[in-house]
Structures are given as C-alpha cells and as structure tokens.
C-alpha cells in the first residue's frame, strides 16, 4: 500500500472516531464504507467502527418506528403518524439494503475476508440487517428478507464451529440468531435450544479466558441468560436450570 493510501486510510479512521464522538453516525458510516470498499480486508478496529456506525444509524430508526407504531395504537388512523411510519420504513430499507449490497455481499465476504472469524462476523451482520427489515415488512416481502436472514445466520453458524465456544463473535451470533428464531420465525423452542446450548458450552470454559476476554464474553452470556429467563416465562414454562451465574452486568447494547 502506498504512503498516500495509508494516510487516506488513517484519515478516514480518525474521521470516523470524531463522528462517533459527536454522534454523527451517518458521517461515521460514510468514512468506514470508503475503507471497506477501497482498503479491505478491514482491520478489527475499522470493522468495529463500521459496525457501530451502521448499528446506530439503523438503531435510531428502529427505535423511531417502534415509537410511532405505539403512537398509532393510541391514535388509530392518524395520517401524520402513518406518513412518518412510511418515511422511517423507507429510510430503513435504504440503509439496510445499502450495507447488504455494498459491504455484506457474497462477493465481499468471499474475497475480502481473510479468516473464519471475519466471515462469521460479516455473515452475522448480514443476518442482522435482513432481520431488521423483517421486523416491519409484511407478507411476501417479509418472507423474503426472513429467509435471507435465516440463510446468512445458518452460514455463519456453520462456519463458527471452528471458533472457540467463548469467542464473542460466536456468542453474539447465538444471541442474535436466537432472537431471530423467537421474534421473526416464532420458533420459540429453537430459540431457547440455541441460546441455552451456546450459554452452557461457553460457561464450561469461561475461566480459561484472560480478563478482557472474560468480561466481554460474560456480558453476552448475561444477555443470553436474560433472554432464556424472559422466553421461558413468556411461554409459560418453568425456566430451565442454567449452570452458574456469570458475573456481568447487562450492558451490551446489541441484541
């Protein structure tokens, strides 16, 4: 890589950091998209900056959509609220399809990912963004994005066999895939089985991790455990016994 290219890459990373600090996530996404398309494979920090940027850009709109739908329940038929819902759904379509076509395409994943962990990371993201669209689409459109989400998650799960049970990317995949099963596919037993299996397997070897890895893993384990408790309560069955009590606070924001 030329010195000029290195400087441009460093400038874009710095721009993304500044944008994150100022909560200008659209700018953050644009900077990291340039790196992904021009300088792949991405470094871990770059990949994480891109993930954070898109998560916030899309997350703000997912939150807005849930709020507007709640407002519509309070004021059925409101033309203003209905118009806002359509606008937010359009923006979500734009952003989700953007990252799927530009960054999470099969070509990108197959040619730009240098190891299994990278492939699992991007395939998980692909499943996530199709899942986000499945949250608000209807009928055939919903079925289509749900099937695409299922395909990406399954591919990620197959490849994650090579990773340690305590790997945070693998645990995050189990967390999000189980949410997909429960909320989108309405397959509660599959969601619970996947979450519990991943929890138990990771917990069996959690003490072998270094401090920083231990903290990151236990944060996701806590979310898996919280979901297991919630889901078992919702379906009216006694919560399965979950081995141990991971010492972590529930402060990981990606589900």
C-alpha atoms as a PDB file:
ATOM      1  CA  UNK A   1       0.000   0.000   0.000  1.00  0.00           C
ATOM      2  CA  UNK A   2       1.362   3.426  -0.948  1.00  0.00           C
ATOM      3  CA  UNK A   3       2.125   6.073   1.639  1.00  0.00           C
ATOM      4  CA  UNK A   4      -0.696   8.180   0.216  1.00  0.00           C
ATOM      5  CA  UNK A   5      -3.169   5.314   0.625  1.00  0.00           C
ATOM      6  CA  UNK A   6      -2.011   4.700   4.196  1.00  0.00           C
ATOM      7  CA  UNK A   7      -2.540   8.369   5.043  1.00  0.00           C
ATOM      8  CA  UNK A   8      -6.016   8.353   3.494  1.00  0.00           C
ATOM      9  CA  UNK A   9      -6.940   5.245   5.461  1.00  0.00           C
ATOM     10  CA  UNK A  10      -5.720   6.794   8.714  1.00  0.00           C
ATOM     11  CA  UNK A  11      -7.618   9.992   7.928  1.00  0.00           C
ATOM     12  CA  UNK A  12     -10.854   8.076   7.378  1.00  0.00           C
ATOM     13  CA  UNK A  13     -10.449   6.167  10.647  1.00  0.00           C
ATOM     14  CA  UNK A  14      -9.853   9.430  12.501  1.00  0.00           C
ATOM     15  CA  UNK A  15     -12.887  10.964  10.799  1.00  0.00           C
ATOM     16  CA  UNK A  16     -14.995   8.006  11.931  1.00  0.00           C
ATOM     17  CA  UNK A  17     -13.777   8.366  15.521  1.00  0.00           C
ATOM     18  CA  UNK A  18     -14.611  12.075  15.528  1.00  0.00           C
ATOM     19  CA  UNK A  19     -18.032  11.371  14.045  1.00  0.00           C
ATOM     20  CA  UNK A  20     -18.732   8.753  16.703  1.00  0.00           C
ATOM     21  CA  UNK A  21     -17.715  11.153  19.460  1.00  0.00           C
ATOM     22  CA  UNK A  22     -20.138  13.769  18.080  1.00  0.00           C
ATOM     23  CA  UNK A  23     -22.825  11.144  17.420  1.00  0.00           C
ATOM     24  CA  UNK A  24     -22.790  11.918  13.705  1.00  0.00           C
ATOM     25  CA  UNK A  25     -23.299   8.327  12.722  1.00  0.00           C
ATOM     26  CA  UNK A  26     -24.180   8.972   9.083  1.00  0.00           C
ATOM     27  CA  UNK A  27     -20.762  10.594   8.627  1.00  0.00           C
ATOM     28  CA  UNK A  28     -19.164   7.705  10.509  1.00  0.00           C
ATOM     29  CA  UNK A  29     -20.772   5.206   8.145  1.00  0.00           C
ATOM     30  CA  UNK A  30     -19.597   7.063   5.044  1.00  0.00           C
ATOM     31  CA  UNK A  31     -15.992   7.112   6.264  1.00  0.00           C
ATOM     32  CA  UNK A  32     -15.954   3.416   7.086  1.00  0.00           C
ATOM     33  CA  UNK A  33     -17.721   2.454   3.872  1.00  0.00           C
ATOM     34  CA  UNK A  34     -14.870   4.110   1.964  1.00  0.00           C
ATOM     35  CA  UNK A  35     -12.362   1.979   3.849  1.00  0.00           C
ATOM     36  CA  UNK A  36     -14.359  -1.207   3.318  1.00  0.00           C
ATOM     37  CA  UNK A  37     -14.614  -0.670  -0.430  1.00  0.00           C
ATOM     38  CA  UNK A  38     -11.088   0.668  -1.027  1.00  0.00           C
ATOM     39  CA  UNK A  39      -8.828  -0.942   1.573  1.00  0.00           C
ATOM     40  CA  UNK A  40     -10.244  -4.330   2.517  1.00  0.00           C
ATOM     41  CA  UNK A  41      -9.534  -6.519   4.381  1.00  0.00           C
ATOM     42  CA  UNK A  42     -10.533  -4.226   7.217  1.00  0.00           C
ATOM     43  CA  UNK A  43      -8.618  -4.106  10.470  1.00  0.00           C
ATOM     44  CA  UNK A  44     -10.525  -5.126  13.613  1.00  0.00           C
ATOM     45  CA  UNK A  45     -10.888  -1.509  14.779  1.00  0.00           C
ATOM     46  CA  UNK A  46     -12.152  -0.445  11.347  1.00  0.00           C
ATOM     47  CA  UNK A  47     -14.618  -3.305  11.243  1.00  0.00           C
ATOM     48  CA  UNK A  48     -15.925  -2.430  14.689  1.00  0.00           C
ATOM     49  CA  UNK A  49     -16.243   1.267  13.806  1.00  0.00           C
ATOM     50  CA  UNK A  50     -18.281   0.326  10.750  1.00  0.00           C
ATOM     51  CA  UNK A  51     -20.483  -1.956  12.833  1.00  0.00           C
ATOM     52  CA  UNK A  52     -21.082   0.727  15.469  1.00  0.00           C
ATOM     53  CA  UNK A  53     -21.865   3.337  12.828  1.00  0.00           C
ATOM     54  CA  UNK A  54     -24.450   1.282  10.981  1.00  0.00           C
ATOM     55  CA  UNK A  55     -25.916  -0.060  14.215  1.00  0.00           C
ATOM     56  CA  UNK A  56     -26.631   3.480  15.388  1.00  0.00           C
ATOM     57  CA  UNK A  57     -27.855   4.755  12.023  1.00  0.00           C
ATOM     58  CA  UNK A  58     -30.312   1.873  11.774  1.00  0.00           C
ATOM     59  CA  UNK A  59     -30.960   1.625  15.515  1.00  0.00           C
ATOM     60  CA  UNK A  60     -32.225   5.196  15.721  1.00  0.00           C
ATOM     61  CA  UNK A  61     -34.755   4.453  13.008  1.00  0.00           C
ATOM     62  CA  UNK A  62     -35.797   1.126  14.543  1.00  0.00           C
ATOM     63  CA  UNK A  63     -36.483   2.950  17.806  1.00  0.00           C
ATOM     64  CA  UNK A  64     -38.421   5.671  15.979  1.00  0.00           C
ATOM     65  CA  UNK A  65     -40.510   3.072  14.166  1.00  0.00           C
ATOM     66  CA  UNK A  66     -41.434   1.304  17.397  1.00  0.00           C
ATOM     67  CA  UNK A  67     -42.379   4.643  18.943  1.00  0.00           C
ATOM     68  CA  UNK A  68     -44.567   5.667  16.017  1.00  0.00           C
ATOM     69  CA  UNK A  69     -46.312   2.306  15.990  1.00  0.00           C
ATOM     70  CA  UNK A  70     -47.084   2.667  19.683  1.00  0.00           C
ATOM     71  CA  UNK A  71     -48.432   6.164  18.999  1.00  0.00           C
ATOM     72  CA  UNK A  72     -50.606   4.773  16.202  1.00  0.00           C
ATOM     73  CA  UNK A  73     -52.162   2.341  18.665  1.00  0.00           C
ATOM     74  CA  UNK A  74     -53.098   5.346  20.804  1.00  0.00           C
ATOM     75  CA  UNK A  75     -54.354   7.329  17.807  1.00  0.00           C
ATOM     76  CA  UNK A  76     -55.515   4.811  15.159  1.00  0.00           C
ATOM     77  CA  UNK A  77     -55.705   6.094  11.601  1.00  0.00           C
ATOM     78  CA  UNK A  78     -53.685   9.265  12.218  1.00  0.00           C
ATOM     79  CA  UNK A  79     -52.454  10.340   8.748  1.00  0.00           C
ATOM     80  CA  UNK A  80     -49.433  12.136  10.207  1.00  0.00           C
ATOM     81  CA  UNK A  81     -48.264   9.087  12.145  1.00  0.00           C
ATOM     82  CA  UNK A  82     -48.898   6.783   9.189  1.00  0.00           C
ATOM     83  CA  UNK A  83     -46.838   9.095   6.980  1.00  0.00           C
ATOM     84  CA  UNK A  84     -43.976   9.088   9.492  1.00  0.00           C
ATOM     85  CA  UNK A  85     -44.062   5.292   9.652  1.00  0.00           C
ATOM     86  CA  UNK A  86     -43.798   5.071   5.860  1.00  0.00           C
ATOM     87  CA  UNK A  87     -40.903   7.539   5.866  1.00  0.00           C
ATOM     88  CA  UNK A  88     -38.962   5.677   8.541  1.00  0.00           C
ATOM     89  CA  UNK A  89     -39.553   2.321   6.850  1.00  0.00           C
ATOM     90  CA  UNK A  90     -38.231   3.810   3.595  1.00  0.00           C
ATOM     91  CA  UNK A  91     -35.113   5.069   5.387  1.00  0.00           C
ATOM     92  CA  UNK A  92     -34.603   1.657   6.990  1.00  0.00           C
ATOM     93  CA  UNK A  93     -34.911  -0.010   3.591  1.00  0.00           C
ATOM     94  CA  UNK A  94     -32.290   2.354   2.192  1.00  0.00           C
ATOM     95  CA  UNK A  95     -29.773   1.831   4.969  1.00  0.00           C
ATOM     96  CA  UNK A  96     -30.215  -1.917   5.378  1.00  0.00           C
ATOM     97  CA  UNK A  97     -30.038  -2.581   1.641  1.00  0.00           C
ATOM     98  CA  UNK A  98     -27.026  -0.275   1.386  1.00  0.00           C
ATOM     99  CA  UNK A  99     -24.895  -2.223   3.830  1.00  0.00           C
ATOM    100  CA  UNK A 100     -26.106  -5.577   2.491  1.00  0.00           C
ATOM    101  CA  UNK A 101     -25.286  -4.733  -1.133  1.00  0.00           C
ATOM    102  CA  UNK A 102     -22.083  -2.727  -0.546  1.00  0.00           C
ATOM    103  CA  UNK A 103     -20.410  -4.427   2.421  1.00  0.00           C
ATOM    104  CA  UNK A 104     -22.175  -7.719   3.081  1.00  0.00           C
ATOM    105  CA  UNK A 105     -22.458  -9.062  -0.455  1.00  0.00           C
ATOM    106  CA  UNK A 106     -21.377 -12.629  -1.161  1.00  0.00           C
ATOM    107  CA  UNK A 107     -18.534 -11.285  -3.307  1.00  0.00           C
ATOM    108  CA  UNK A 108     -17.229  -9.074  -0.496  1.00  0.00           C
ATOM    109  CA  UNK A 109     -17.425 -11.822   2.118  1.00  0.00           C
ATOM    110  CA  UNK A 110     -15.824 -14.445  -0.136  1.00  0.00           C
ATOM    111  CA  UNK A 111     -12.983 -12.261  -1.433  1.00  0.00           C
ATOM    112  CA  UNK A 112     -12.272  -9.709   1.302  1.00  0.00           C
ATOM    113  CA  UNK A 113     -12.468 -11.853   4.438  1.00  0.00           C
ATOM    114  CA  UNK A 114      -9.117 -13.382   5.332  1.00  0.00           C
ATOM    115  CA  UNK A 115     -10.171 -15.748   8.121  1.00  0.00           C
ATOM    116  CA  UNK A 116     -13.127 -17.615   9.595  1.00  0.00           C
ATOM    117  CA  UNK A 117     -13.771 -15.060  12.322  1.00  0.00           C
ATOM    118  CA  UNK A 118     -14.151 -12.291   9.723  1.00  0.00           C
ATOM    119  CA  UNK A 119     -16.608 -14.377   7.707  1.00  0.00           C
ATOM    120  CA  UNK A 120     -18.694 -15.187  10.778  1.00  0.00           C
ATOM    121  CA  UNK A 121     -18.692 -11.501  11.762  1.00  0.00           C
ATOM    122  CA  UNK A 122     -19.964 -10.314   8.371  1.00  0.00           C
ATOM    123  CA  UNK A 123     -22.442 -13.155   7.867  1.00  0.00           C
ATOM    124  CA  UNK A 124     -23.890 -12.416  11.307  1.00  0.00           C
ATOM    125  CA  UNK A 125     -24.243  -8.755  10.320  1.00  0.00           C
ATOM    126  CA  UNK A 126     -25.955  -9.799   7.104  1.00  0.00           C
ATOM    127  CA  UNK A 127     -28.440 -11.855   9.081  1.00  0.00           C
ATOM    128  CA  UNK A 128     -28.974  -8.933  11.441  1.00  0.00           C
ATOM    129  CA  UNK A 129     -29.827  -6.389   8.735  1.00  0.00           C
ATOM    130  CA  UNK A 130     -32.201  -8.717   6.943  1.00  0.00           C
ATOM    131  CA  UNK A 131     -33.791  -9.382  10.358  1.00  0.00           C
ATOM    132  CA  UNK A 132     -34.257  -5.662  10.947  1.00  0.00           C
ATOM    133  CA  UNK A 133     -36.235  -5.428   7.703  1.00  0.00           C
ATOM    134  CA  UNK A 134     -38.285  -8.481   8.647  1.00  0.00           C
ATOM    135  CA  UNK A 135     -39.421  -6.591  11.759  1.00  0.00           C
ATOM    136  CA  UNK A 136     -41.620  -4.238   9.730  1.00  0.00           C
ATOM    137  CA  UNK A 137     -42.209  -5.784   6.306  1.00  0.00           C
ATOM    138  CA  UNK A 138     -45.331  -7.815   5.545  1.00  0.00           C
ATOM    139  CA  UNK A 139     -46.448 -10.822   3.529  1.00  0.00           C
ATOM    140  CA  UNK A 140     -44.113 -11.925   0.703  1.00  0.00           C
ATOM    141  CA  UNK A 141     -41.629  -9.116   1.307  1.00  0.00           C
ATOM    142  CA  UNK A 142     -41.289 -10.204   4.924  1.00  0.00           C
ATOM    143  CA  UNK A 143     -40.923 -13.852   3.964  1.00  0.00           C
ATOM    144  CA  UNK A 144     -38.164 -12.960   1.504  1.00  0.00           C
ATOM    145  CA  UNK A 145     -35.986 -10.982   3.927  1.00  0.00           C
ATOM    146  CA  UNK A 146     -36.645 -13.509   6.699  1.00  0.00           C
ATOM    147  CA  UNK A 147     -35.367 -16.334   4.502  1.00  0.00           C
ATOM    148  CA  UNK A 148     -32.305 -14.292   3.561  1.00  0.00           C
ATOM    149  CA  UNK A 149     -31.678 -13.646   7.238  1.00  0.00           C
ATOM    150  CA  UNK A 150     -32.035 -17.337   8.057  1.00  0.00           C
ATOM    151  CA  UNK A 151     -29.606 -18.263   5.270  1.00  0.00           C
ATOM    152  CA  UNK A 152     -26.955 -15.808   6.477  1.00  0.00           C
ATOM    153  CA  UNK A 153     -27.292 -16.848  10.118  1.00  0.00           C
ATOM    154  CA  UNK A 154     -27.069 -20.539   9.207  1.00  0.00           C
ATOM    155  CA  UNK A 155     -23.943 -19.948   7.116  1.00  0.00           C
ATOM    156  CA  UNK A 156     -22.394 -18.033   9.998  1.00  0.00           C
ATOM    157  CA  UNK A 157     -23.332 -20.774  12.452  1.00  0.00           C
ATOM    158  CA  UNK A 158     -21.789 -23.454  10.233  1.00  0.00           C
ATOM    159  CA  UNK A 159     -18.515 -21.535   9.981  1.00  0.00           C
ATOM    160  CA  UNK A 160     -18.479 -20.684  13.690  1.00  0.00           C
ATOM    161  CA  UNK A 161     -17.823 -24.344  14.509  1.00  0.00           C
ATOM    162  CA  UNK A 162     -14.137 -23.503  14.020  1.00  0.00           C
ATOM    163  CA  UNK A 163     -14.259 -20.833  16.752  1.00  0.00           C
ATOM    164  CA  UNK A 164     -13.979 -21.330  20.496  1.00  0.00           C
ATOM    165  CA  UNK A 165     -17.252 -21.574  22.406  1.00  0.00           C
ATOM    166  CA  UNK A 166     -16.253 -18.439  24.336  1.00  0.00           C
ATOM    167  CA  UNK A 167     -15.486 -16.378  21.230  1.00  0.00           C
ATOM    168  CA  UNK A 168     -17.519 -13.169  21.479  1.00  0.00           C
ATOM    169  CA  UNK A 169     -18.424 -13.156  17.793  1.00  0.00           C
ATOM    170  CA  UNK A 170     -19.733 -16.706  18.102  1.00  0.00           C
ATOM    171  CA  UNK A 171     -21.680 -15.817  21.256  1.00  0.00           C
ATOM    172  CA  UNK A 172     -23.090 -12.685  19.626  1.00  0.00           C
ATOM    173  CA  UNK A 173     -24.212 -14.797  16.692  1.00  0.00           C
ATOM    174  CA  UNK A 174     -26.006 -17.217  19.014  1.00  0.00           C
ATOM    175  CA  UNK A 175     -27.673 -14.293  20.793  1.00  0.00           C
ATOM    176  CA  UNK A 176     -28.933 -12.630  17.617  1.00  0.00           C
ATOM    177  CA  UNK A 177     -29.828 -15.860  15.812  1.00  0.00           C
ATOM    178  CA  UNK A 178     -31.903 -16.999  18.782  1.00  0.00           C
ATOM    179  CA  UNK A 179     -33.692 -13.626  18.820  1.00  0.00           C
ATOM    180  CA  UNK A 180     -34.436 -14.149  15.122  1.00  0.00           C
ATOM    181  CA  UNK A 181     -35.904 -17.587  15.809  1.00  0.00           C
ATOM    182  CA  UNK A 182     -38.050 -16.261  18.643  1.00  0.00           C
ATOM    183  CA  UNK A 183     -39.274 -12.926  17.264  1.00  0.00           C
ATOM    184  CA  UNK A 184     -39.281 -13.390  13.494  1.00  0.00           C
ATOM    185  CA  UNK A 185     -39.784 -17.100  12.890  1.00  0.00           C
ATOM    186  CA  UNK A 186     -41.879 -17.634  16.046  1.00  0.00           C
ATOM    187  CA  UNK A 187     -39.947 -20.833  16.737  1.00  0.00           C
ATOM    188  CA  UNK A 188     -39.639 -20.467  20.483  1.00  0.00           C
ATOM    189  CA  UNK A 189     -38.197 -23.899  21.208  1.00  0.00           C
ATOM    190  CA  UNK A 190     -35.436 -23.475  18.609  1.00  0.00           C
ATOM    191  CA  UNK A 191     -34.559 -20.066  20.054  1.00  0.00           C
ATOM    192  CA  UNK A 192     -34.331 -21.451  23.572  1.00  0.00           C
ATOM    193  CA  UNK A 193     -32.341 -24.516  22.496  1.00  0.00           C
ATOM    194  CA  UNK A 194     -29.770 -22.435  20.600  1.00  0.00           C
ATOM    195  CA  UNK A 195     -29.382 -19.864  23.367  1.00  0.00           C
ATOM    196  CA  UNK A 196     -29.059 -22.479  26.119  1.00  0.00           C
ATOM    197  CA  UNK A 197     -26.622 -24.667  24.178  1.00  0.00           C
ATOM    198  CA  UNK A 198     -24.364 -21.690  23.458  1.00  0.00           C
ATOM    199  CA  UNK A 199     -24.601 -20.491  27.057  1.00  0.00           C
ATOM    200  CA  UNK A 200     -23.713 -23.870  28.553  1.00  0.00           C
ATOM    201  CA  UNK A 201     -20.851 -24.550  26.130  1.00  0.00           C
ATOM    202  CA  UNK A 202     -19.251 -21.166  26.771  1.00  0.00           C
ATOM    203  CA  UNK A 203     -19.722 -21.315  30.519  1.00  0.00           C
ATOM    204  CA  UNK A 204     -17.874 -24.636  30.681  1.00  0.00           C
ATOM    205  CA  UNK A 205     -14.631 -22.985  29.546  1.00  0.00           C
ATOM    206  CA  UNK A 206     -15.131 -19.351  30.576  1.00  0.00           C
ATOM    207  CA  UNK A 207     -12.499 -19.490  33.333  1.00  0.00           C
ATOM    208  CA  UNK A 208      -9.763 -20.115  30.773  1.00  0.00           C
ATOM    209  CA  UNK A 209     -10.104 -16.599  29.331  1.00  0.00           C
ATOM    210  CA  UNK A 210      -7.963 -13.564  30.057  1.00  0.00           C
ATOM    211  CA  UNK A 211      -9.553 -10.674  31.964  1.00  0.00           C
ATOM    212  CA  UNK A 212     -10.614  -8.550  28.957  1.00  0.00           C
ATOM    213  CA  UNK A 213     -11.936 -11.548  27.027  1.00  0.00           C
ATOM    214  CA  UNK A 214     -13.678 -12.815  30.158  1.00  0.00           C
ATOM    215  CA  UNK A 215     -15.522  -9.538  30.632  1.00  0.00           C
ATOM    216  CA  UNK A 216     -16.663  -9.327  27.005  1.00  0.00           C
ATOM    217  CA  UNK A 217     -17.849 -12.931  26.960  1.00  0.00           C
ATOM    218  CA  UNK A 218     -19.730 -12.706  30.243  1.00  0.00           C
ATOM    219  CA  UNK A 219     -21.601  -9.621  29.057  1.00  0.00           C
ATOM    220  CA  UNK A 220     -23.084 -11.630  26.200  1.00  0.00           C
ATOM    221  CA  UNK A 221     -23.661 -14.644  28.431  1.00  0.00           C
ATOM    222  CA  UNK A 222     -25.735 -12.413  30.692  1.00  0.00           C
ATOM    223  CA  UNK A 223     -27.892 -11.376  27.729  1.00  0.00           C
ATOM    224  CA  UNK A 224     -28.348 -14.992  26.688  1.00  0.00           C
ATOM    225  CA  UNK A 225     -29.365 -15.848  30.216  1.00  0.00           C
ATOM    226  CA  UNK A 226     -31.756 -12.882  30.425  1.00  0.00           C
ATOM    227  CA  UNK A 227     -33.416 -13.937  27.177  1.00  0.00           C
ATOM    228  CA  UNK A 228     -33.748 -17.530  28.366  1.00  0.00           C
ATOM    229  CA  UNK A 229     -35.473 -16.349  31.529  1.00  0.00           C
ATOM    230  CA  UNK A 230     -37.766 -13.997  29.607  1.00  0.00           C
ATOM    231  CA  UNK A 231     -38.689 -16.522  26.943  1.00  0.00           C
ATOM    232  CA  UNK A 232     -39.396 -19.357  29.352  1.00  0.00           C
ATOM    233  CA  UNK A 233     -41.634 -17.025  31.346  1.00  0.00           C
ATOM    234  CA  UNK A 234     -43.450 -15.864  28.207  1.00  0.00           C
ATOM    235  CA  UNK A 235     -44.281 -19.367  27.013  1.00  0.00           C
ATOM    236  CA  UNK A 236     -45.498 -20.288  30.475  1.00  0.00           C
ATOM    237  CA  UNK A 237     -42.953 -22.950  31.262  1.00  0.00           C
ATOM    238  CA  UNK A 238     -40.535 -23.174  34.166  1.00  0.00           C
ATOM    239  CA  UNK A 239     -37.149 -21.717  33.284  1.00  0.00           C
ATOM    240  CA  UNK A 240     -34.550 -24.371  32.570  1.00  0.00           C
ATOM    241  CA  UNK A 241     -31.733 -24.611  35.027  1.00  0.00           C
ATOM    242  CA  UNK A 242     -28.840 -22.521  33.748  1.00  0.00           C
ATOM    243  CA  UNK A 243     -25.485 -23.570  35.108  1.00  0.00           C
ATOM    244  CA  UNK A 244     -23.669 -20.898  37.090  1.00  0.00           C
ATOM    245  CA  UNK A 245     -24.056 -17.186  37.499  1.00  0.00           C
ATOM    246  CA  UNK A 246     -21.805 -15.204  35.149  1.00  0.00           C
ATOM    247  CA  UNK A 247     -20.504 -12.088  36.905  1.00  0.00           C
ATOM    248  CA  UNK A 248     -21.502  -9.434  34.358  1.00  0.00           C
ATOM    249  CA  UNK A 249     -23.855  -6.506  34.050  1.00  0.00           C
ATOM    250  CA  UNK A 250     -26.393  -6.391  31.277  1.00  0.00           C
ATOM    251  CA  UNK A 251     -24.848  -3.513  29.322  1.00  0.00           C
ATOM    252  CA  UNK A 252     -24.175  -4.916  25.865  1.00  0.00           C
ATOM    253  CA  UNK A 253     -26.476  -2.975  23.540  1.00  0.00           C
ATOM    254  CA  UNK A 254     -26.622  -5.296  20.539  1.00  0.00           C
ATOM    255  CA  UNK A 255     -29.321  -7.944  20.570  1.00  0.00           C
END
